[in-house]
């Protein structure tokens, strides 16, 4: 086997966040978020949230079925929330599993979120 061959894609539980960074653009109105994942067979989902130092959520983005290992997103800080201070960006990478359950004698679909990895990073606006 050639040691330079790409690593085989991982099972759902083996997916890891390899790096997660956030930095404000020079206008202090937008935030560049970079997410690097380990290899995978089936695209996971992700929820990225931006909060201020009081842990108040300012904005979020939900990504469905990520299909690349390297991802870059732009979050917009709401106009009335752009204050100097410290900010925290969180990411949760997960899968949604569908299962049938019986409720009141009827078959229904239920959706369960399975978290595979999470990370946080912070930055400051002066």
N, C-alpha and C. Protein backbone atom coordinates (compact mmCIF):
# COMPACT_ATOMS: atom_id res chain seq x y z
N UNK A 1 0.84 -1.18 0.00
CA UNK A 1 0.00 0.00 0.00
C UNK A 1 0.89 1.24 0.00
N UNK A 2 0.54 2.21 -0.78
CA UNK A 2 1.29 3.45 -0.89
C UNK A 2 0.97 4.35 0.30
N UNK A 3 1.99 4.78 1.06
CA UNK A 3 1.77 5.58 2.25
C UNK A 3 1.29 6.99 1.92
N UNK A 4 1.41 7.42 0.67
CA UNK A 4 0.95 8.76 0.31
C UNK A 4 -0.49 8.77 -0.19
N UNK A 5 -1.16 7.62 -0.17
CA UNK A 5 -2.55 7.59 -0.62
C UNK A 5 -3.43 8.28 0.41
N UNK A 6 -4.55 8.87 -0.04
CA UNK A 6 -5.42 9.60 0.89
C UNK A 6 -6.00 8.66 1.95
N UNK A 7 -6.22 9.22 3.11
CA UNK A 7 -6.81 8.46 4.21
C UNK A 7 -8.25 8.12 3.86
N UNK A 8 -8.66 6.92 4.22
CA UNK A 8 -10.03 6.48 3.94
C UNK A 8 -11.02 7.34 4.71
N UNK A 9 -12.17 7.63 4.12
CA UNK A 9 -13.18 8.42 4.83
C UNK A 9 -13.61 7.74 6.13
N UNK A 10 -13.96 8.56 7.09
CA UNK A 10 -14.31 8.08 8.42
C UNK A 10 -15.79 7.79 8.55
N UNK A 11 -16.10 6.94 9.54
CA UNK A 11 -17.49 6.70 9.92
C UNK A 11 -18.00 7.96 10.61
N UNK A 12 -19.31 8.06 10.78
CA UNK A 12 -19.91 9.25 11.39
C UNK A 12 -19.27 9.61 12.72
N UNK A 13 -19.05 8.63 13.58
CA UNK A 13 -18.50 8.91 14.91
C UNK A 13 -17.03 9.31 14.88
N UNK A 14 -16.35 9.08 13.77
CA UNK A 14 -14.92 9.39 13.68
C UNK A 14 -14.64 10.78 13.13
N UNK A 15 -15.66 11.51 12.71
CA UNK A 15 -15.44 12.84 12.15
C UNK A 15 -14.96 13.77 13.26
N UNK A 16 -13.94 14.55 12.94
CA UNK A 16 -13.38 15.50 13.90
C UNK A 16 -13.25 16.87 13.24
N UNK A 17 -13.35 17.89 14.07
CA UNK A 17 -13.03 19.24 13.62
C UNK A 17 -11.52 19.38 13.75
N UNK A 18 -10.84 19.54 12.62
CA UNK A 18 -9.39 19.64 12.63
C UNK A 18 -8.93 21.06 12.96
N UNK A 19 -9.68 22.06 12.48
CA UNK A 19 -9.40 23.45 12.87
C UNK A 19 -10.68 24.27 12.72
N UNK A 20 -10.76 25.30 13.56
CA UNK A 20 -11.92 26.19 13.57
C UNK A 20 -11.43 27.57 13.99
N UNK A 21 -11.57 28.55 13.09
CA UNK A 21 -11.09 29.91 13.34
C UNK A 21 -12.14 30.93 12.92
N UNK A 22 -12.10 32.07 13.59
CA UNK A 22 -12.99 33.18 13.23
C UNK A 22 -12.22 34.48 13.41
N UNK A 23 -12.39 35.39 12.46
CA UNK A 23 -11.76 36.70 12.57
C UNK A 23 -12.65 37.74 11.90
N UNK A 24 -12.72 38.93 12.50
CA UNK A 24 -13.57 39.97 11.91
C UNK A 24 -12.91 40.53 10.65
N UNK A 25 -13.76 40.89 9.70
CA UNK A 25 -13.28 41.62 8.52
C UNK A 25 -12.92 43.04 8.98
N UNK A 26 -12.16 43.79 8.20
CA UNK A 26 -11.78 45.15 8.59
C UNK A 26 -12.97 46.07 8.89
N UNK A 27 -14.15 45.78 8.32
CA UNK A 27 -15.31 46.64 8.57
C UNK A 27 -15.99 46.36 9.92
N UNK A 28 -15.53 45.34 10.65
CA UNK A 28 -16.10 44.95 11.95
C UNK A 28 -17.60 44.68 11.89
N UNK A 29 -18.12 44.38 10.72
CA UNK A 29 -19.55 44.09 10.52
C UNK A 29 -19.76 42.62 10.16
N UNK A 30 -18.67 42.01 9.67
CA UNK A 30 -18.73 40.62 9.23
C UNK A 30 -17.60 39.83 9.87
N UNK A 31 -17.82 38.52 9.97
CA UNK A 31 -16.83 37.64 10.58
C UNK A 31 -16.57 36.48 9.62
N UNK A 32 -15.29 36.26 9.32
CA UNK A 32 -14.91 35.12 8.47
C UNK A 32 -14.69 33.92 9.38
N UNK A 33 -15.40 32.83 9.08
CA UNK A 33 -15.31 31.61 9.86
C UNK A 33 -14.76 30.51 8.96
N UNK A 34 -13.71 29.83 9.43
CA UNK A 34 -13.11 28.73 8.68
C UNK A 34 -13.25 27.46 9.49
N UNK A 35 -13.74 26.41 8.82
CA UNK A 35 -13.97 25.12 9.45
C UNK A 35 -13.32 24.04 8.60
N UNK A 36 -12.42 23.27 9.20
CA UNK A 36 -11.76 22.16 8.52
C UNK A 36 -12.14 20.87 9.22
N UNK A 37 -12.71 19.93 8.46
CA UNK A 37 -13.16 18.66 9.00
C UNK A 37 -12.28 17.52 8.52
N UNK A 38 -12.25 16.44 9.29
CA UNK A 38 -11.60 15.22 8.82
C UNK A 38 -12.48 14.61 7.72
N UNK A 39 -11.96 13.63 7.02
CA UNK A 39 -12.70 13.03 5.91
C UNK A 39 -13.96 12.33 6.39
N UNK A 40 -14.94 12.24 5.50
CA UNK A 40 -16.22 11.61 5.83
C UNK A 40 -16.84 10.99 4.60
N UNK A 41 -17.71 10.01 4.81
CA UNK A 41 -18.44 9.37 3.71
C UNK A 41 -19.74 10.10 3.41
N UNK A 42 -20.45 10.46 4.46
CA UNK A 42 -21.74 11.14 4.33
C UNK A 42 -21.61 12.52 4.96
N UNK A 43 -22.04 13.54 4.22
CA UNK A 43 -21.89 14.92 4.68
C UNK A 43 -22.64 15.21 5.97
N UNK A 44 -21.93 15.75 6.97
CA UNK A 44 -22.59 16.12 8.21
C UNK A 44 -23.26 17.48 8.09
N UNK A 45 -23.94 17.87 9.13
CA UNK A 45 -24.56 19.19 9.24
C UNK A 45 -23.76 19.97 10.28
N UNK A 46 -23.94 21.28 10.30
CA UNK A 46 -23.26 22.10 11.30
C UNK A 46 -24.14 23.28 11.68
N UNK A 47 -24.02 23.68 12.93
CA UNK A 47 -24.66 24.89 13.44
C UNK A 47 -23.55 25.77 13.96
N UNK A 48 -23.44 26.99 13.41
CA UNK A 48 -22.43 27.94 13.84
C UNK A 48 -23.16 29.13 14.45
N UNK A 49 -22.77 29.50 15.67
CA UNK A 49 -23.41 30.63 16.35
C UNK A 49 -22.36 31.65 16.76
N UNK A 50 -22.76 32.92 16.72
CA UNK A 50 -21.92 34.03 17.15
C UNK A 50 -22.60 34.67 18.35
N UNK A 51 -21.86 34.78 19.46
CA UNK A 51 -22.40 35.36 20.69
C UNK A 51 -21.47 36.45 21.19
N UNK A 52 -22.04 37.39 21.96
CA UNK A 52 -21.21 38.42 22.58
C UNK A 52 -20.71 37.92 23.93
N UNK A 53 -19.97 38.78 24.64
CA UNK A 53 -19.37 38.34 25.90
C UNK A 53 -20.39 38.09 27.01
N UNK A 54 -21.62 38.57 26.83
CA UNK A 54 -22.70 38.27 27.78
C UNK A 54 -23.42 36.97 27.41
N UNK A 55 -22.86 36.24 26.44
CA UNK A 55 -23.42 34.98 25.96
C UNK A 55 -24.78 35.16 25.28
N UNK A 56 -25.02 36.35 24.73
CA UNK A 56 -26.24 36.63 23.97
C UNK A 56 -25.98 36.27 22.50
N UNK A 57 -26.79 35.36 21.96
CA UNK A 57 -26.61 34.95 20.56
C UNK A 57 -26.99 36.10 19.65
N UNK A 58 -26.07 36.45 18.75
CA UNK A 58 -26.28 37.55 17.82
C UNK A 58 -26.74 37.08 16.46
N UNK A 59 -26.19 35.97 16.01
CA UNK A 59 -26.56 35.41 14.71
C UNK A 59 -26.12 33.95 14.66
N UNK A 60 -26.68 33.23 13.70
CA UNK A 60 -26.28 31.83 13.52
C UNK A 60 -26.52 31.42 12.08
N UNK A 61 -25.88 30.33 11.72
CA UNK A 61 -26.08 29.75 10.39
C UNK A 61 -26.12 28.24 10.56
N UNK A 62 -27.06 27.62 9.87
CA UNK A 62 -27.23 26.17 9.90
C UNK A 62 -26.84 25.64 8.52
N UNK A 63 -25.86 24.77 8.48
CA UNK A 63 -25.39 24.22 7.21
C UNK A 63 -25.83 22.77 7.12
N UNK A 64 -26.49 22.42 6.03
CA UNK A 64 -27.03 21.07 5.85
C UNK A 64 -26.19 20.34 4.81
N UNK A 65 -25.77 19.13 5.17
CA UNK A 65 -25.05 18.24 4.26
C UNK A 65 -23.78 18.88 3.69
N UNK A 66 -22.84 19.14 4.58
CA UNK A 66 -21.54 19.69 4.16
C UNK A 66 -20.88 18.69 3.21
N UNK A 67 -20.33 19.16 2.12
CA UNK A 67 -19.75 18.23 1.15
C UNK A 67 -18.27 18.44 0.90
N UNK A 68 -17.64 19.42 1.57
CA UNK A 68 -16.20 19.61 1.43
C UNK A 68 -15.54 19.61 2.81
N UNK A 69 -14.27 19.25 2.84
CA UNK A 69 -13.54 19.23 4.11
C UNK A 69 -13.20 20.63 4.59
N UNK A 70 -12.83 21.52 3.64
CA UNK A 70 -12.49 22.90 3.98
C UNK A 70 -13.69 23.79 3.67
N UNK A 71 -14.14 24.53 4.69
CA UNK A 71 -15.34 25.37 4.55
C UNK A 71 -15.07 26.76 5.09
N UNK A 72 -15.64 27.75 4.42
CA UNK A 72 -15.51 29.14 4.85
C UNK A 72 -16.88 29.79 4.77
N UNK A 73 -17.25 30.48 5.85
CA UNK A 73 -18.55 31.13 5.93
C UNK A 73 -18.36 32.57 6.39
N UNK A 74 -19.32 33.42 6.08
CA UNK A 74 -19.32 34.79 6.57
C UNK A 74 -20.56 35.00 7.42
N UNK A 75 -20.33 35.40 8.66
CA UNK A 75 -21.42 35.76 9.56
C UNK A 75 -21.51 37.28 9.59
N UNK A 76 -22.72 37.80 9.63
CA UNK A 76 -22.93 39.24 9.69
C UNK A 76 -23.38 39.62 11.09
N UNK A 77 -22.68 40.56 11.69
CA UNK A 77 -23.06 41.05 13.01
C UNK A 77 -24.22 42.03 12.82
N UNK A 78 -25.34 41.82 13.51
CA UNK A 78 -26.48 42.73 13.36
C UNK A 78 -26.07 44.18 13.64
N UNK A 79 -26.62 45.12 12.88
CA UNK A 79 -26.26 46.54 12.96
C UNK A 79 -26.34 47.12 14.36
N UNK A 80 -27.36 46.74 15.11
CA UNK A 80 -27.52 47.30 16.45
C UNK A 80 -26.70 46.56 17.50
N UNK A 81 -25.95 45.54 17.11
CA UNK A 81 -25.18 44.73 18.05
C UNK A 81 -23.68 44.88 17.87
N UNK A 82 -23.26 45.74 16.94
CA UNK A 82 -21.84 45.89 16.64
C UNK A 82 -21.19 46.81 17.67
N UNK A 83 -20.71 46.21 18.75
CA UNK A 83 -20.08 46.97 19.81
C UNK A 83 -18.67 46.46 20.02
N UNK A 84 -17.77 47.32 20.48
CA UNK A 84 -16.45 46.81 20.84
C UNK A 84 -16.61 45.76 21.94
N UNK A 85 -15.75 44.78 21.92
CA UNK A 85 -15.82 43.75 22.95
C UNK A 85 -15.34 42.42 22.44
N UNK A 86 -15.58 41.39 23.24
CA UNK A 86 -15.17 40.04 22.92
C UNK A 86 -16.36 39.26 22.38
N UNK A 87 -16.09 38.41 21.39
CA UNK A 87 -17.12 37.61 20.75
C UNK A 87 -16.68 36.15 20.75
N UNK A 88 -17.66 35.26 20.79
CA UNK A 88 -17.41 33.82 20.79
C UNK A 88 -18.16 33.21 19.61
N UNK A 89 -17.48 32.33 18.88
CA UNK A 89 -18.10 31.61 17.79
C UNK A 89 -18.04 30.12 18.15
N UNK A 90 -19.20 29.47 18.12
CA UNK A 90 -19.30 28.05 18.43
C UNK A 90 -19.72 27.29 17.18
N UNK A 91 -19.26 26.05 17.06
CA UNK A 91 -19.73 25.18 15.99
C UNK A 91 -20.06 23.82 16.58
N UNK A 92 -21.16 23.25 16.12
CA UNK A 92 -21.54 21.89 16.44
C UNK A 92 -21.70 21.15 15.13
N UNK A 93 -21.01 20.03 14.98
CA UNK A 93 -21.11 19.20 13.78
C UNK A 93 -21.93 17.98 14.18
N UNK A 94 -22.96 17.68 13.39
CA UNK A 94 -23.90 16.63 13.78
C UNK A 94 -24.54 15.97 12.57
N UNK A 95 -25.18 14.85 12.83
CA UNK A 95 -26.02 14.16 11.85
C UNK A 95 -27.44 14.15 12.39
N UNK A 96 -28.39 14.10 11.48
CA UNK A 96 -29.79 13.93 11.87
C UNK A 96 -30.21 12.55 11.42
N UNK A 97 -30.68 11.78 12.37
CA UNK A 97 -31.12 10.42 12.08
C UNK A 97 -32.63 10.35 12.17
N UNK A 98 -33.20 9.67 11.20
CA UNK A 98 -34.64 9.51 11.13
C UNK A 98 -34.99 8.14 11.70
N UNK A 99 -36.00 8.11 12.57
CA UNK A 99 -36.44 6.83 13.09
C UNK A 99 -37.96 6.82 13.20
N UNK A 100 -38.53 5.64 13.01
CA UNK A 100 -39.98 5.50 13.13
C UNK A 100 -40.32 5.16 14.57
N UNK A 101 -41.31 5.87 15.10
CA UNK A 101 -41.79 5.57 16.46
C UNK A 101 -43.30 5.38 16.40
N UNK A 102 -43.80 4.65 17.35
CA UNK A 102 -45.25 4.47 17.43
C UNK A 102 -45.77 5.40 18.50
N UNK A 103 -46.73 6.22 18.11
CA UNK A 103 -47.32 7.18 19.05
C UNK A 103 -48.83 7.16 18.86
N UNK A 104 -49.55 6.88 19.92
CA UNK A 104 -51.01 6.80 19.88
C UNK A 104 -51.48 5.80 18.83
N UNK A 105 -50.77 4.69 18.71
CA UNK A 105 -51.15 3.64 17.78
C UNK A 105 -50.80 3.93 16.34
N UNK A 106 -50.11 5.04 16.06
CA UNK A 106 -49.73 5.40 14.69
C UNK A 106 -48.22 5.42 14.57
N UNK A 107 -47.73 5.07 13.38
CA UNK A 107 -46.30 5.16 13.09
C UNK A 107 -45.98 6.61 12.71
N UNK A 108 -45.00 7.18 13.35
CA UNK A 108 -44.59 8.56 13.06
C UNK A 108 -43.07 8.60 12.90
N UNK A 109 -42.62 9.60 12.19
CA UNK A 109 -41.19 9.81 12.03
C UNK A 109 -40.69 10.73 13.14
N UNK A 110 -39.54 10.38 13.68
CA UNK A 110 -38.90 11.20 14.69
C UNK A 110 -37.48 11.49 14.19
N UNK A 111 -36.98 12.67 14.50
CA UNK A 111 -35.64 13.05 14.07
C UNK A 111 -34.77 13.27 15.30
N UNK A 112 -33.62 12.61 15.29
CA UNK A 112 -32.70 12.69 16.42
C UNK A 112 -31.38 13.27 15.93
N UNK A 113 -30.89 14.26 16.66
CA UNK A 113 -29.61 14.88 16.31
C UNK A 113 -28.50 14.18 17.08
N UNK A 114 -27.47 13.74 16.35
CA UNK A 114 -26.31 13.08 16.96
C UNK A 114 -25.08 13.96 16.79
N UNK A 115 -24.64 14.55 17.88
CA UNK A 115 -23.46 15.42 17.86
C UNK A 115 -22.21 14.57 17.67
N UNK A 116 -21.35 14.98 16.71
CA UNK A 116 -20.10 14.24 16.50
C UNK A 116 -18.88 15.02 16.97
N UNK A 117 -18.94 16.35 16.96
CA UNK A 117 -17.84 17.16 17.47
C UNK A 117 -18.30 18.61 17.61
N UNK A 118 -17.60 19.36 18.45
CA UNK A 118 -17.91 20.78 18.62
C UNK A 118 -16.62 21.52 18.94
N UNK A 119 -16.64 22.84 18.72
CA UNK A 119 -15.47 23.67 19.00
C UNK A 119 -15.92 25.11 19.20
N UNK A 120 -15.05 25.89 19.83
CA UNK A 120 -15.31 27.31 20.05
C UNK A 120 -14.03 28.09 19.75
N UNK A 121 -14.20 29.33 19.37
CA UNK A 121 -13.08 30.24 19.18
C UNK A 121 -13.58 31.63 19.53
N UNK A 122 -12.67 32.55 19.76
CA UNK A 122 -13.09 33.90 20.12
C UNK A 122 -12.25 34.93 19.40
N UNK A 123 -12.74 36.16 19.38
CA UNK A 123 -12.03 37.29 18.79
C UNK A 123 -12.53 38.56 19.46
N UNK A 124 -11.83 39.65 19.26
CA UNK A 124 -12.22 40.93 19.84
C UNK A 124 -12.37 41.98 18.76
N UNK A 125 -13.28 42.91 19.02
CA UNK A 125 -13.43 44.10 18.17
C UNK A 125 -13.14 45.29 19.07
N UNK A 126 -12.22 46.13 18.63
CA UNK A 126 -11.80 47.28 19.44
C UNK A 126 -12.71 48.48 19.28
